[in-house]
Structure formats: structure tokens, C-alpha cells
Amino acid sequence: MQKSLFLLLSILIAHTSFSQSIKDLNFLIGDWKVVETIYPGTEKEYQEIGKRTCEYYLNGSFIKCESLTVDQRNLRERSYAYIINYHKKEDVFLVTSLAHDFPLHGKHKWFLDKENKRINAISPKNVIEDRFFRATISYANEKKLVWNGWSSKFLNDKEWVQIFNDVTTKTD
């Protein structure tokens, strides 16, 4: 009886120590300077510069990241947010993105790659009508995160086009 109880406890402890939680994204917490290049390397390229603040939300079950950036072409402000939680059953981080100047809510899945210190993100469904989205967030340097995003028009060209490069530097 004691051996089986010990075995059961060992399995539970091992499983618990390897499972993920919202705390695995603790490196996001804080204030960040944002330099985002939209459509990098194309004739449409422009930058937005601003600030992002990430904090725990709803009793620590979520992380909320709010950003305010300024389009350097016309000095218009843009505000947007990410609401992030960990879905234990699917073993994935679920992210909803919201923007004041964009009518749709983006829904993304983030997969944490601890070995390569990267988050791989996808949109399980189209984000903008016929467009699909994927991204990577490198946290190899937790004081400087590099976000890269691509989109594809699935029914037309099926090519992935880089749509942003977001470099954030921790300020606190």
C-alpha cells in the first residue's frame, strides 16, 4: 500500500513539475519600449514607436498587455491589447488581441518552446477574412523580446509575407 501511494505521489509530482502555467510567461511582465516595423523590407514599410505594459490580470489567471504606439508617418496613436491565459487541457496559451482601430478580435494559440526560448504563435482560424497568421516571439534575451509576424492569403497565393517586426526593450 505504501509503495503504491509513493508511486502515485511521485507520478503526480513529476506531472505537476512539467506542466505549464501562466507563470511561464512571467518574462512578459513589466514596462517595455516598443519599436514595431510594419511590412519590413517592402515599399509599404513604416514604424510605430511606443510603450507596452504587461501585468497579471484577473487574480493572476491571465496576463494583459496593453500597448500605445505612434505611427511615425502621421503621428497617429494606436492602442491595442493582448489578453493571455493558459489552457491546461489543450496545453497551450490562448491569446485574444484587440485594437481600437481594427474591428476584429484576433484569436491565437501560443506554444512555448522553452528549449529555444521562443513562443510560436498561430491563428487557428483566419484573422482577417481570407488571411492566416503566424508569429514567433524570441525571449532568448528576456530584456529584449523580438516578435516577428507573417500572414498568408490562403486561397490566393499561399505565400507567407512578413507583416511586422516588433522589438521591445524592458524599461523597468
N, C-alpha and C. Protein backbone atom coordinates (compact mmCIF):
# COMPACT_ATOMS: atom_id res chain seq x y z
N MET A 1 0.83 -1.20 0.00
CA MET A 1 0.00 0.00 0.00
C MET A 1 0.87 1.26 0.00
N GLN A 2 1.89 1.29 0.85
CA GLN A 2 2.75 2.47 0.92
C GLN A 2 3.52 2.65 -0.39
N LYS A 3 3.95 1.53 -1.01
CA LYS A 3 4.67 1.63 -2.28
C LYS A 3 3.78 2.21 -3.36
N SER A 4 2.53 1.77 -3.44
CA SER A 4 1.63 2.29 -4.48
C SER A 4 1.30 3.76 -4.22
N LEU A 5 1.13 4.12 -2.95
CA LEU A 5 0.89 5.52 -2.62
C LEU A 5 2.09 6.38 -2.98
N PHE A 6 3.29 5.90 -2.66
CA PHE A 6 4.51 6.61 -3.01
C PHE A 6 4.64 6.76 -4.53
N LEU A 7 4.35 5.70 -5.27
CA LEU A 7 4.42 5.74 -6.74
C LEU A 7 3.42 6.75 -7.29
N LEU A 8 2.20 6.75 -6.77
CA LEU A 8 1.18 7.69 -7.22
C LEU A 8 1.61 9.13 -6.94
N LEU A 9 2.11 9.39 -5.73
CA LEU A 9 2.58 10.73 -5.41
C LEU A 9 3.75 11.15 -6.29
N SER A 10 4.65 10.25 -6.58
CA SER A 10 5.80 10.55 -7.46
C SER A 10 5.33 10.93 -8.84
N ILE A 11 4.36 10.20 -9.36
CA ILE A 11 3.82 10.50 -10.69
C ILE A 11 3.15 11.86 -10.69
N LEU A 12 2.35 12.14 -9.67
CA LEU A 12 1.67 13.44 -9.59
C LEU A 12 2.66 14.59 -9.48
N ILE A 13 3.68 14.42 -8.68
CA ILE A 13 4.70 15.48 -8.52
C ILE A 13 5.45 15.68 -9.83
N ALA A 14 5.82 14.60 -10.50
CA ALA A 14 6.52 14.71 -11.78
C ALA A 14 5.65 15.40 -12.81
N HIS A 15 4.38 15.02 -12.88
CA HIS A 15 3.47 15.63 -13.85
C HIS A 15 3.29 17.11 -13.55
N THR A 16 3.13 17.45 -12.29
CA THR A 16 2.94 18.84 -11.90
C THR A 16 4.17 19.67 -12.22
N SER A 17 5.35 19.12 -12.02
CA SER A 17 6.56 19.90 -12.25
C SER A 17 6.82 20.15 -13.73
N PHE A 18 6.26 19.34 -14.60
CA PHE A 18 6.48 19.52 -16.03
C PHE A 18 5.34 20.27 -16.71
N SER A 19 4.21 20.45 -16.04
CA SER A 19 3.11 21.15 -16.68
C SER A 19 3.39 22.65 -16.72
N GLN A 20 2.74 23.31 -17.64
CA GLN A 20 2.95 24.74 -17.81
C GLN A 20 1.90 25.51 -17.04
N SER A 21 2.13 26.80 -16.91
CA SER A 21 1.15 27.70 -16.28
C SER A 21 1.38 29.10 -16.84
N ILE A 22 0.49 29.99 -16.50
CA ILE A 22 0.63 31.38 -16.93
C ILE A 22 1.93 31.98 -16.41
N LYS A 23 2.45 31.47 -15.29
CA LYS A 23 3.70 31.97 -14.71
C LYS A 23 4.90 31.71 -15.62
N ASP A 24 4.78 30.78 -16.57
CA ASP A 24 5.86 30.54 -17.52
C ASP A 24 6.10 31.74 -18.43
N LEU A 25 5.13 32.64 -18.49
CA LEU A 25 5.27 33.86 -19.30
C LEU A 25 5.62 35.07 -18.43
N ASN A 26 6.14 34.82 -17.24
CA ASN A 26 6.48 35.89 -16.31
C ASN A 26 7.43 36.92 -16.92
N PHE A 27 8.27 36.49 -17.87
CA PHE A 27 9.20 37.42 -18.50
C PHE A 27 8.49 38.55 -19.24
N LEU A 28 7.20 38.39 -19.57
CA LEU A 28 6.45 39.46 -20.23
C LEU A 28 6.09 40.59 -19.28
N ILE A 29 6.02 40.30 -17.99
CA ILE A 29 5.54 41.28 -17.01
C ILE A 29 6.50 42.46 -16.92
N GLY A 30 5.94 43.66 -17.01
CA GLY A 30 6.73 44.87 -16.88
C GLY A 30 6.40 45.89 -17.94
N ASP A 31 7.22 46.93 -18.00
CA ASP A 31 7.06 48.01 -18.98
C ASP A 31 8.11 47.84 -20.07
N TRP A 32 7.69 48.09 -21.30
CA TRP A 32 8.53 47.86 -22.47
C TRP A 32 8.48 49.05 -23.42
N LYS A 33 9.60 49.36 -24.02
CA LYS A 33 9.63 50.31 -25.14
C LYS A 33 9.43 49.46 -26.40
N VAL A 34 8.53 49.90 -27.27
CA VAL A 34 8.18 49.15 -28.47
C VAL A 34 8.65 49.91 -29.71
N VAL A 35 9.36 49.22 -30.58
CA VAL A 35 9.67 49.74 -31.91
C VAL A 35 9.17 48.68 -32.87
N GLU A 36 8.06 48.96 -33.52
CA GLU A 36 7.44 47.99 -34.41
C GLU A 36 7.56 48.46 -35.85
N THR A 37 8.13 47.60 -36.68
CA THR A 37 8.23 47.90 -38.11
C THR A 37 7.15 47.10 -38.82
N ILE A 38 6.27 47.81 -39.49
CA ILE A 38 5.18 47.18 -40.23
C ILE A 38 5.63 47.00 -41.69
N TYR A 39 5.32 45.85 -42.25
CA TYR A 39 5.71 45.47 -43.62
C TYR A 39 7.22 45.67 -43.85
N PRO A 40 8.07 45.08 -42.99
CA PRO A 40 9.52 45.30 -43.13
C PRO A 40 10.05 44.83 -44.49
N GLY A 41 10.97 45.62 -45.02
CA GLY A 41 11.62 45.26 -46.28
C GLY A 41 10.77 45.46 -47.52
N THR A 42 9.65 46.18 -47.40
CA THR A 42 8.80 46.44 -48.57
C THR A 42 8.64 47.95 -48.76
N GLU A 43 8.04 48.33 -49.87
CA GLU A 43 7.79 49.75 -50.13
C GLU A 43 6.74 50.32 -49.17
N LYS A 44 5.98 49.47 -48.48
CA LYS A 44 4.97 49.92 -47.53
C LYS A 44 5.53 50.09 -46.11
N GLU A 45 6.81 49.84 -45.89
CA GLU A 45 7.40 49.82 -44.55
C GLU A 45 7.21 51.14 -43.81
N TYR A 46 6.82 51.04 -42.53
CA TYR A 46 6.78 52.19 -41.64
C TYR A 46 6.94 51.70 -40.21
N GLN A 47 7.16 52.64 -39.29
CA GLN A 47 7.38 52.27 -37.89
C GLN A 47 6.34 52.89 -36.97
N GLU A 48 6.06 52.13 -35.91
CA GLU A 48 5.29 52.63 -34.79
C GLU A 48 6.18 52.50 -33.57
N ILE A 49 6.24 53.55 -32.78
CA ILE A 49 7.08 53.56 -31.58
C ILE A 49 6.20 53.91 -30.39
N GLY A 50 6.41 53.21 -29.28
CA GLY A 50 5.59 53.49 -28.11
C GLY A 50 5.96 52.65 -26.91
N LYS A 51 4.93 52.31 -26.14
CA LYS A 51 5.12 51.64 -24.86
C LYS A 51 4.13 50.48 -24.74
N ARG A 52 4.58 49.42 -24.06
CA ARG A 52 3.71 48.28 -23.76
C ARG A 52 3.88 47.96 -22.27
N THR A 53 2.77 47.73 -21.60
CA THR A 53 2.79 47.32 -20.21
C THR A 53 2.06 46.00 -20.09
N CYS A 54 2.74 45.02 -19.49
CA CYS A 54 2.15 43.70 -19.28
C CYS A 54 2.06 43.45 -17.78
N GLU A 55 0.90 42.95 -17.35
CA GLU A 55 0.69 42.68 -15.94
C GLU A 55 -0.25 41.49 -15.78
N TYR A 56 -0.18 40.89 -14.59
CA TYR A 56 -1.14 39.82 -14.30
C TYR A 56 -2.52 40.45 -14.17
N TYR A 57 -3.54 39.66 -14.52
CA TYR A 57 -4.90 40.17 -14.65
C TYR A 57 -5.86 39.11 -14.12
N LEU A 58 -6.96 39.53 -13.55
CA LEU A 58 -8.00 38.65 -13.01
C LEU A 58 -7.42 37.60 -12.07
N ASN A 59 -6.93 38.10 -10.96
CA ASN A 59 -6.36 37.25 -9.90
C ASN A 59 -5.21 36.38 -10.38
N GLY A 60 -4.44 36.87 -11.34
CA GLY A 60 -3.27 36.15 -11.81
C GLY A 60 -3.55 35.02 -12.77
N SER A 61 -4.80 34.88 -13.22
CA SER A 61 -5.14 33.82 -14.17
C SER A 61 -4.78 34.19 -15.60
N PHE A 62 -4.63 35.47 -15.87
CA PHE A 62 -4.35 35.97 -17.21
C PHE A 62 -3.18 36.94 -17.14
N ILE A 63 -2.62 37.24 -18.30
CA ILE A 63 -1.71 38.36 -18.47
C ILE A 63 -2.36 39.30 -19.46
N LYS A 64 -2.36 40.58 -19.13
CA LYS A 64 -2.89 41.61 -20.02
C LYS A 64 -1.73 42.49 -20.43
N CYS A 65 -1.52 42.62 -21.73
CA CYS A 65 -0.50 43.53 -22.27
C CYS A 65 -1.22 44.62 -23.05
N GLU A 66 -1.02 45.86 -22.62
CA GLU A 66 -1.62 47.00 -23.32
C GLU A 66 -0.52 47.83 -23.94
N SER A 67 -0.75 48.23 -25.19
CA SER A 67 0.24 48.99 -25.93
C SER A 67 -0.36 50.29 -26.45
N LEU A 68 0.48 51.31 -26.48
CA LEU A 68 0.14 52.57 -27.12
C LEU A 68 1.34 52.95 -27.97
N THR A 69 1.14 52.99 -29.28
CA THR A 69 2.22 53.33 -30.20
C THR A 69 1.80 54.51 -31.06
N VAL A 70 2.80 55.16 -31.67
CA VAL A 70 2.55 56.30 -32.55
C VAL A 70 3.12 55.96 -33.92
N ASP A 71 2.27 56.05 -34.93
CA ASP A 71 2.67 55.85 -36.32
C ASP A 71 3.59 57.00 -36.70
N GLN A 72 4.83 56.70 -37.06
CA GLN A 72 5.82 57.73 -37.33
C GLN A 72 5.58 58.48 -38.64
N ARG A 73 4.69 57.99 -39.50
CA ARG A 73 4.38 58.69 -40.75
C ARG A 73 3.46 59.88 -40.51
N ASN A 74 2.45 59.68 -39.64
CA ASN A 74 1.43 60.70 -39.47
C ASN A 74 1.17 61.07 -38.01
N LEU A 75 1.94 60.49 -37.10
CA LEU A 75 1.85 60.75 -35.66
C LEU A 75 0.50 60.37 -35.05
N ARG A 76 -0.20 59.43 -35.68
CA ARG A 76 -1.46 58.93 -35.12
C ARG A 76 -1.16 57.86 -34.08
N GLU A 77 -1.91 57.94 -32.98
CA GLU A 77 -1.76 56.95 -31.92
C GLU A 77 -2.59 55.70 -32.25
N ARG A 78 -2.04 54.58 -31.82
CA ARG A 78 -2.76 53.31 -31.97
C ARG A 78 -2.65 52.57 -30.65
N SER A 79 -3.77 52.11 -30.15
CA SER A 79 -3.76 51.33 -28.91
C SER A 79 -4.29 49.94 -29.19
N TYR A 80 -3.65 48.96 -28.55
CA TYR A 80 -4.06 47.58 -28.73
C TYR A 80 -3.66 46.79 -27.49
N ALA A 81 -4.25 45.61 -27.35
CA ALA A 81 -4.01 44.80 -26.15
C ALA A 81 -4.01 43.32 -26.50
N TYR A 82 -3.34 42.56 -25.65
CA TYR A 82 -3.37 41.10 -25.69
C TYR A 82 -3.87 40.62 -24.33
N ILE A 83 -4.79 39.68 -24.35
CA ILE A 83 -5.23 39.01 -23.13
C ILE A 83 -4.79 37.55 -23.30
N ILE A 84 -3.98 37.06 -22.36
CA ILE A 84 -3.33 35.76 -22.48
C ILE A 84 -3.72 34.88 -21.29
N ASN A 85 -4.08 33.63 -21.56
CA ASN A 85 -4.27 32.68 -20.48
C ASN A 85 -3.75 31.31 -20.91
N TYR A 86 -3.53 30.45 -19.93
CA TYR A 86 -3.06 29.11 -20.22
C TYR A 86 -4.23 28.14 -20.16
N HIS A 87 -4.40 27.37 -21.22
CA HIS A 87 -5.47 26.38 -21.30
C HIS A 87 -4.84 25.01 -21.03
N LYS A 88 -5.01 24.55 -19.81
CA LYS A 88 -4.34 23.34 -19.35
C LYS A 88 -4.73 22.10 -20.17
N LYS A 89 -5.98 21.97 -20.49
CA LYS A 89 -6.46 20.79 -21.22
C LYS A 89 -5.81 20.67 -22.60
N GLU A 90 -5.65 21.82 -23.28
CA GLU A 90 -5.02 21.82 -24.61
C GLU A 90 -3.51 22.04 -24.54
N ASP A 91 -2.99 22.35 -23.35
CA ASP A 91 -1.56 22.62 -23.15
C ASP A 91 -1.08 23.71 -24.11
N VAL A 92 -1.78 24.83 -24.08
CA VAL A 92 -1.48 25.93 -24.99
C VAL A 92 -1.89 27.25 -24.31
N PHE A 93 -1.23 28.32 -24.69
CA PHE A 93 -1.62 29.64 -24.24
C PHE A 93 -2.60 30.19 -25.27
N LEU A 94 -3.76 30.64 -24.81
CA LEU A 94 -4.76 31.23 -25.70
C LEU A 94 -4.66 32.74 -25.58
N VAL A 95 -4.63 33.42 -26.72
CA VAL A 95 -4.42 34.86 -26.75
C VAL A 95 -5.51 35.51 -27.59
N THR A 96 -6.10 36.54 -27.03
CA THR A 96 -7.05 37.37 -27.78
C THR A 96 -6.39 38.73 -27.95
N SER A 97 -6.32 39.21 -29.19
CA SER A 97 -5.75 40.53 -29.43
C SER A 97 -6.89 41.48 -29.83
N LEU A 98 -6.79 42.68 -29.33
CA LEU A 98 -7.80 43.72 -29.57
C LEU A 98 -7.09 45.00 -29.99
N ALA A 99 -7.68 45.75 -30.88
CA ALA A 99 -7.11 47.05 -31.28
C ALA A 99 -8.24 48.04 -31.49
N HIS A 100 -7.98 49.28 -31.11
CA HIS A 100 -9.03 50.30 -31.22
C HIS A 100 -9.34 50.63 -32.68
N ASP A 101 -8.39 50.39 -33.58
CA ASP A 101 -8.57 50.76 -34.98
C ASP A 101 -8.81 49.55 -35.89
N PHE A 102 -9.18 48.41 -35.30
CA PHE A 102 -9.34 47.19 -36.07
C PHE A 102 -10.59 46.48 -35.55
N PRO A 103 -11.55 46.19 -36.42
CA PRO A 103 -12.84 45.70 -35.93
C PRO A 103 -12.86 44.25 -35.45
N LEU A 104 -11.92 43.42 -35.86
CA LEU A 104 -11.95 42.01 -35.49
C LEU A 104 -11.07 41.73 -34.27
N HIS A 105 -11.44 40.73 -33.52
CA HIS A 105 -10.63 40.27 -32.40
C HIS A 105 -9.79 39.10 -32.90
N GLY A 106 -8.47 39.24 -32.80
CA GLY A 106 -7.61 38.14 -33.20
C GLY A 106 -7.60 37.07 -32.13
N LYS A 107 -7.63 35.82 -32.53
CA LYS A 107 -7.54 34.70 -31.60
C LYS A 107 -6.35 33.86 -32.03
N HIS A 108 -5.42 33.67 -31.08
CA HIS A 108 -4.17 32.99 -31.40
C HIS A 108 -3.89 31.91 -30.37
N LYS A 109 -3.06 30.96 -30.78
CA LYS A 109 -2.54 29.95 -29.87
C LYS A 109 -1.04 30.14 -29.81
N TRP A 110 -0.53 30.20 -28.59
CA TRP A 110 0.91 30.34 -28.38
C TRP A 110 1.45 29.04 -27.80
N PHE A 111 2.51 28.53 -28.41
CA PHE A 111 3.17 27.31 -27.96
C PHE A 111 4.55 27.69 -27.45
N LEU A 112 4.81 27.41 -26.19
CA LEU A 112 6.05 27.79 -25.54
C LEU A 112 7.13 26.75 -25.83
N ASP A 113 8.21 27.19 -26.44
CA ASP A 113 9.37 26.34 -26.74
C ASP A 113 10.47 26.78 -25.78
N LYS A 114 10.52 26.14 -24.61
CA LYS A 114 11.48 26.53 -23.56
C LYS A 114 12.91 26.27 -23.99
N GLU A 115 13.13 25.22 -24.78
CA GLU A 115 14.49 24.87 -25.20
C GLU A 115 15.10 25.97 -26.05
N ASN A 116 14.33 26.50 -27.00
CA ASN A 116 14.84 27.55 -27.90
C ASN A 116 14.46 28.95 -27.44
N LYS A 117 13.83 29.05 -26.25
CA LYS A 117 13.41 30.33 -25.70
C LYS A 117 12.62 31.15 -26.73
N ARG A 118 11.54 30.51 -27.18
CA ARG A 118 10.73 31.12 -28.22
C ARG A 118 9.27 30.72 -28.01
N ILE A 119 8.39 31.59 -28.41
CA ILE A 119 6.97 31.29 -28.48
C ILE A 119 6.62 31.21 -29.96
N ASN A 120 5.94 30.15 -30.35
CA ASN A 120 5.43 30.01 -31.71
C ASN A 120 3.94 30.26 -31.65
N ALA A 121 3.47 31.19 -32.45
CA ALA A 121 2.06 31.59 -32.42
C ALA A 121 1.40 31.31 -33.77
N ILE A 122 0.16 30.87 -33.70
CA ILE A 122 -0.64 30.69 -34.92
C ILE A 122 -2.04 31.20 -34.65
N SER A 123 -2.72 31.53 -35.72
CA SER A 123 -4.16 31.77 -35.60
C SER A 123 -4.84 30.52 -36.12
N PRO A 124 -5.59 29.83 -35.27
CA PRO A 124 -6.21 28.59 -35.71
C PRO A 124 -7.25 28.80 -36.79
N LYS A 125 -7.78 29.99 -36.87
CA LYS A 125 -8.73 30.36 -37.92
C LYS A 125 -8.25 31.66 -38.53
N ASN A 126 -8.85 32.03 -39.64
CA ASN A 126 -8.44 33.27 -40.29
C ASN A 126 -8.68 34.47 -39.38
N VAL A 127 -7.77 35.41 -39.46
CA VAL A 127 -7.84 36.62 -38.64
C VAL A 127 -8.56 37.73 -39.41
N ILE A 128 -8.19 37.94 -40.64
CA ILE A 128 -8.78 38.99 -41.46
C ILE A 128 -9.33 38.34 -42.73
N GLU A 129 -10.59 38.02 -42.72
CA GLU A 129 -11.24 37.39 -43.86
C GLU A 129 -10.46 36.18 -44.35
N ASP A 130 -9.70 36.29 -45.45
CA ASP A 130 -9.02 35.12 -46.01
C ASP A 130 -7.55 35.04 -45.60
N ARG A 131 -7.14 35.81 -44.61
CA ARG A 131 -5.73 35.81 -44.19
C ARG A 131 -5.52 34.95 -42.95
N PHE A 132 -4.39 34.29 -42.92
CA PHE A 132 -3.98 33.49 -41.78
C PHE A 132 -2.73 34.12 -41.19
N PHE A 133 -2.43 33.81 -39.94
CA PHE A 133 -1.37 34.50 -39.23
C PHE A 133 -0.51 33.50 -38.47
N ARG A 134 0.80 33.77 -38.43
CA ARG A 134 1.72 33.03 -37.58
C ARG A 134 2.80 34.01 -37.11
N ALA A 135 3.43 33.68 -35.98
CA ALA A 135 4.45 34.58 -35.43
C ALA A 135 5.41 33.79 -34.55
N THR A 136 6.54 34.43 -34.27
CA THR A 136 7.47 33.92 -33.27
C THR A 136 7.81 35.07 -32.34
N ILE A 137 8.03 34.72 -31.09
CA ILE A 137 8.49 35.69 -30.10
C ILE A 137 9.73 35.09 -29.46
N SER A 138 10.86 35.71 -29.69
CA SER A 138 12.10 35.22 -29.10
C SER A 138 12.30 35.90 -27.75
N TYR A 139 12.53 35.09 -26.72
CA TYR A 139 12.83 35.64 -25.40
C TYR A 139 14.19 35.14 -24.92
N ALA A 140 15.11 34.88 -25.87
CA ALA A 140 16.47 34.46 -25.52
C ALA A 140 17.12 35.52 -24.62
N ASN A 141 16.81 36.79 -24.88
CA ASN A 141 17.21 37.88 -24.00
C ASN A 141 15.92 38.43 -23.41
N GLU A 142 15.66 38.12 -22.15
CA GLU A 142 14.38 38.48 -21.54
C GLU A 142 14.21 39.98 -21.33
N LYS A 143 15.26 40.77 -21.60
CA LYS A 143 15.17 42.23 -21.52
C LYS A 143 14.90 42.85 -22.89
N LYS A 144 14.95 42.01 -23.93
CA LYS A 144 14.72 42.48 -25.30
C LYS A 144 14.03 41.37 -26.07
N LEU A 145 12.72 41.50 -26.25
CA LEU A 145 11.94 40.50 -26.96
C LEU A 145 11.81 40.89 -28.43
N VAL A 146 11.89 39.89 -29.29
CA VAL A 146 11.75 40.13 -30.73
C VAL A 146 10.55 39.33 -31.23
N TRP A 147 9.54 40.07 -31.70
CA TRP A 147 8.31 39.46 -32.23
C TRP A 147 8.35 39.63 -33.75
N ASN A 148 8.12 38.56 -34.48
CA ASN A 148 8.01 38.61 -35.94
C ASN A 148 6.70 37.95 -36.33
N GLY A 149 5.98 38.56 -37.25
CA GLY A 149 4.69 38.02 -37.68
C GLY A 149 4.57 37.96 -39.19
N TRP A 150 3.85 36.94 -39.66
CA TRP A 150 3.62 36.72 -41.09
C TRP A 150 2.15 36.46 -41.33
N SER A 151 1.67 36.81 -42.51
CA SER A 151 0.30 36.48 -42.90
C SER A 151 0.32 35.83 -44.27
N SER A 152 -0.78 35.18 -44.57
CA SER A 152 -0.92 34.49 -45.86
C SER A 152 -2.36 34.61 -46.32
N LYS A 153 -2.53 34.81 -47.62
CA LYS A 153 -3.86 34.74 -48.22
C LYS A 153 -4.01 33.31 -48.71
N PHE A 154 -4.60 32.49 -47.89
CA PHE A 154 -4.61 31.05 -48.13
C PHE A 154 -5.21 30.67 -49.48
N LEU A 155 -6.32 31.25 -49.86
CA LEU A 155 -6.98 30.84 -51.10
C LEU A 155 -6.30 31.38 -52.35
N ASN A 156 -5.52 32.45 -52.22
CA ASN A 156 -4.90 33.06 -53.39
C ASN A 156 -3.47 32.57 -53.60
N ASP A 157 -2.52 33.15 -52.88
CA ASP A 157 -1.12 32.88 -53.19
C ASP A 157 -0.45 31.85 -52.28
N LYS A 158 -1.02 31.60 -51.13
CA LYS A 158 -0.48 30.63 -50.17
C LYS A 158 0.94 30.94 -49.73
N GLU A 159 1.44 32.14 -49.99
CA GLU A 159 2.78 32.55 -49.57
C GLU A 159 2.69 33.29 -48.25
N TRP A 160 3.68 33.09 -47.40
CA TRP A 160 3.75 33.82 -46.15
C TRP A 160 4.54 35.11 -46.37
N VAL A 161 3.96 36.23 -45.98
CA VAL A 161 4.58 37.54 -46.12
C VAL A 161 4.78 38.13 -44.73
N GLN A 162 5.99 38.59 -44.45
CA GLN A 162 6.23 39.18 -43.14
C GLN A 162 5.48 40.50 -43.04
N ILE A 163 4.69 40.63 -41.97
CA ILE A 163 3.89 41.84 -41.81
C ILE A 163 4.36 42.72 -40.67
N PHE A 164 5.17 42.17 -39.73
CA PHE A 164 5.73 43.05 -38.71
C PHE A 164 6.96 42.44 -38.06
N ASN A 165 7.78 43.34 -37.53
CA ASN A 165 8.93 43.01 -36.69
C ASN A 165 8.83 43.96 -35.50
N ASP A 166 8.62 43.41 -34.32
CA ASP A 166 8.35 44.20 -33.12
C ASP A 166 9.49 43.91 -32.15
N VAL A 167 10.30 44.93 -31.86
CA VAL A 167 11.41 44.77 -30.92
C VAL A 167 11.03 45.56 -29.66
N THR A 168 10.94 44.86 -28.55
CA THR A 168 10.58 45.51 -27.29
C THR A 168 11.76 45.40 -26.32
N THR A 169 12.03 46.51 -25.65
CA THR A 169 13.13 46.57 -24.69
C THR A 169 12.55 46.91 -23.33
N LYS A 170 12.88 46.12 -22.33
CA LYS A 170 12.35 46.32 -20.98
C LYS A 170 12.86 47.63 -20.41
N THR A 171 11.95 48.42 -19.84
CA THR A 171 12.33 49.73 -19.30
C THR A 171 12.26 49.79 -17.79
N ASP A 172 11.73 48.76 -17.13
CA ASP A 172 11.66 48.82 -15.66
C ASP A 172 12.61 47.82 -15.02
